[in-house]
Amino acid sequence: MVLNVGMSMNTERFSRLLEHWIEHNEEHLEKYREWVEKLKDHPEIVSMLKDAIGKFEEGTKLLKEISRRI
C-alpha cells in the first residue's frame, strides 16, 4: 500500500511538471517564431531556427502524449 501511495504522489508531481514543461515549450516556440520574422535577412539562421522549432514542436507533442497517458 505505501508503495502505491508513493507512486501516486510521483505521478501527480510528474503530471504537474509535464504541464509546466509543455507551457514553457510553447512560450519558447512563440519567441522562436518571432525571431524567424525578425531575421528574414539571414536565411541560413532562419533555416536552422525553423529546424529547432520543428524539434521543439516534436518534443512538445511527445510530452502531450505522455500527459494523456498518465
Protein backbone atom coordinates (compact mmCIF):
# COMPACT_ATOMS: atom_id res chain seq x y z
CA MET A 1 0.00 0.00 0.00
CA VAL A 2 2.70 2.52 0.89
CA LEU A 3 4.41 1.89 -2.47
CA ASN A 4 1.19 2.72 -4.34
CA VAL A 5 0.79 5.97 -2.42
CA GLY A 6 4.37 6.93 -3.31
CA MET A 7 3.81 6.06 -6.95
CA SER A 8 0.64 8.12 -6.99
CA MET A 9 2.44 11.13 -5.50
CA ASN A 10 5.22 10.77 -8.07
CA THR A 11 2.68 10.52 -10.86
CA GLU A 12 0.89 13.65 -9.65
CA ARG A 13 4.15 15.57 -9.39
CA PHE A 14 5.27 14.37 -12.82
CA SER A 15 1.92 15.37 -14.30
CA ARG A 16 2.31 18.90 -12.92
CA LEU A 17 5.87 19.06 -14.27
CA LEU A 18 4.65 17.95 -17.68
CA GLU A 19 2.08 20.74 -17.73
CA HIS A 20 4.81 23.25 -16.87
CA TRP A 21 7.22 21.89 -19.49
CA ILE A 22 4.54 21.94 -22.20
CA GLU A 23 3.58 25.52 -21.38
CA HIS A 24 7.24 26.55 -21.22
CA ASN A 25 8.00 24.94 -24.59
CA GLU A 26 5.03 26.70 -26.17
CA GLU A 27 6.26 30.04 -24.82
CA HIS A 28 9.68 29.37 -26.34
CA LEU A 29 8.12 28.38 -29.65
CA GLU A 30 6.26 31.67 -29.79
CA LYS A 31 9.52 33.59 -29.28
CA TYR A 32 11.40 31.48 -31.84
CA ARG A 33 8.71 32.21 -34.43
CA GLU A 34 9.00 35.93 -33.69
CA TRP A 35 12.75 35.71 -34.33
CA VAL A 36 12.18 33.92 -37.63
CA GLU A 37 10.31 37.03 -38.75
CA LYS A 38 12.92 39.42 -37.36
CA LEU A 39 15.83 37.59 -39.02
CA LYS A 40 14.40 37.29 -42.54
CA ASP A 41 17.61 38.78 -43.93
CA HIS A 42 19.60 35.80 -42.59
CA PRO A 43 18.19 32.76 -44.42
CA GLU A 44 20.75 30.29 -43.07
CA ILE A 45 19.99 31.27 -39.49
CA VAL A 46 16.23 31.23 -40.18
CA SER A 47 16.55 27.74 -41.64
CA MET A 48 18.36 26.48 -38.55
CA LEU A 49 15.87 28.19 -36.25
CA LYS A 50 13.00 26.56 -38.17
CA ASP A 51 14.69 23.18 -37.65
CA ALA A 52 14.89 23.91 -33.93
CA ILE A 53 11.22 24.92 -33.94
CA GLY A 54 10.31 21.60 -35.54
CA LYS A 55 12.22 19.69 -32.90
CA PHE A 56 10.61 21.68 -30.08
CA GLU A 57 7.19 21.00 -31.63
CA GLU A 58 8.00 17.29 -31.82
CA GLY A 59 9.15 17.25 -28.20
CA THR A 60 6.07 19.13 -27.07
CA LYS A 61 3.86 16.70 -28.96
CA LEU A 62 5.53 13.78 -27.18
CA LEU A 63 5.13 15.47 -23.78
CA LYS A 64 1.43 16.00 -24.50
CA GLU A 65 1.05 12.32 -25.42
CA ILE A 66 2.78 11.30 -22.19
CA SER A 67 0.45 13.61 -20.28
CA ARG A 68 -2.60 11.97 -21.89
CA ARG A 69 -1.36 8.52 -20.91
CA ILE A 70 -0.78 9.27 -17.23
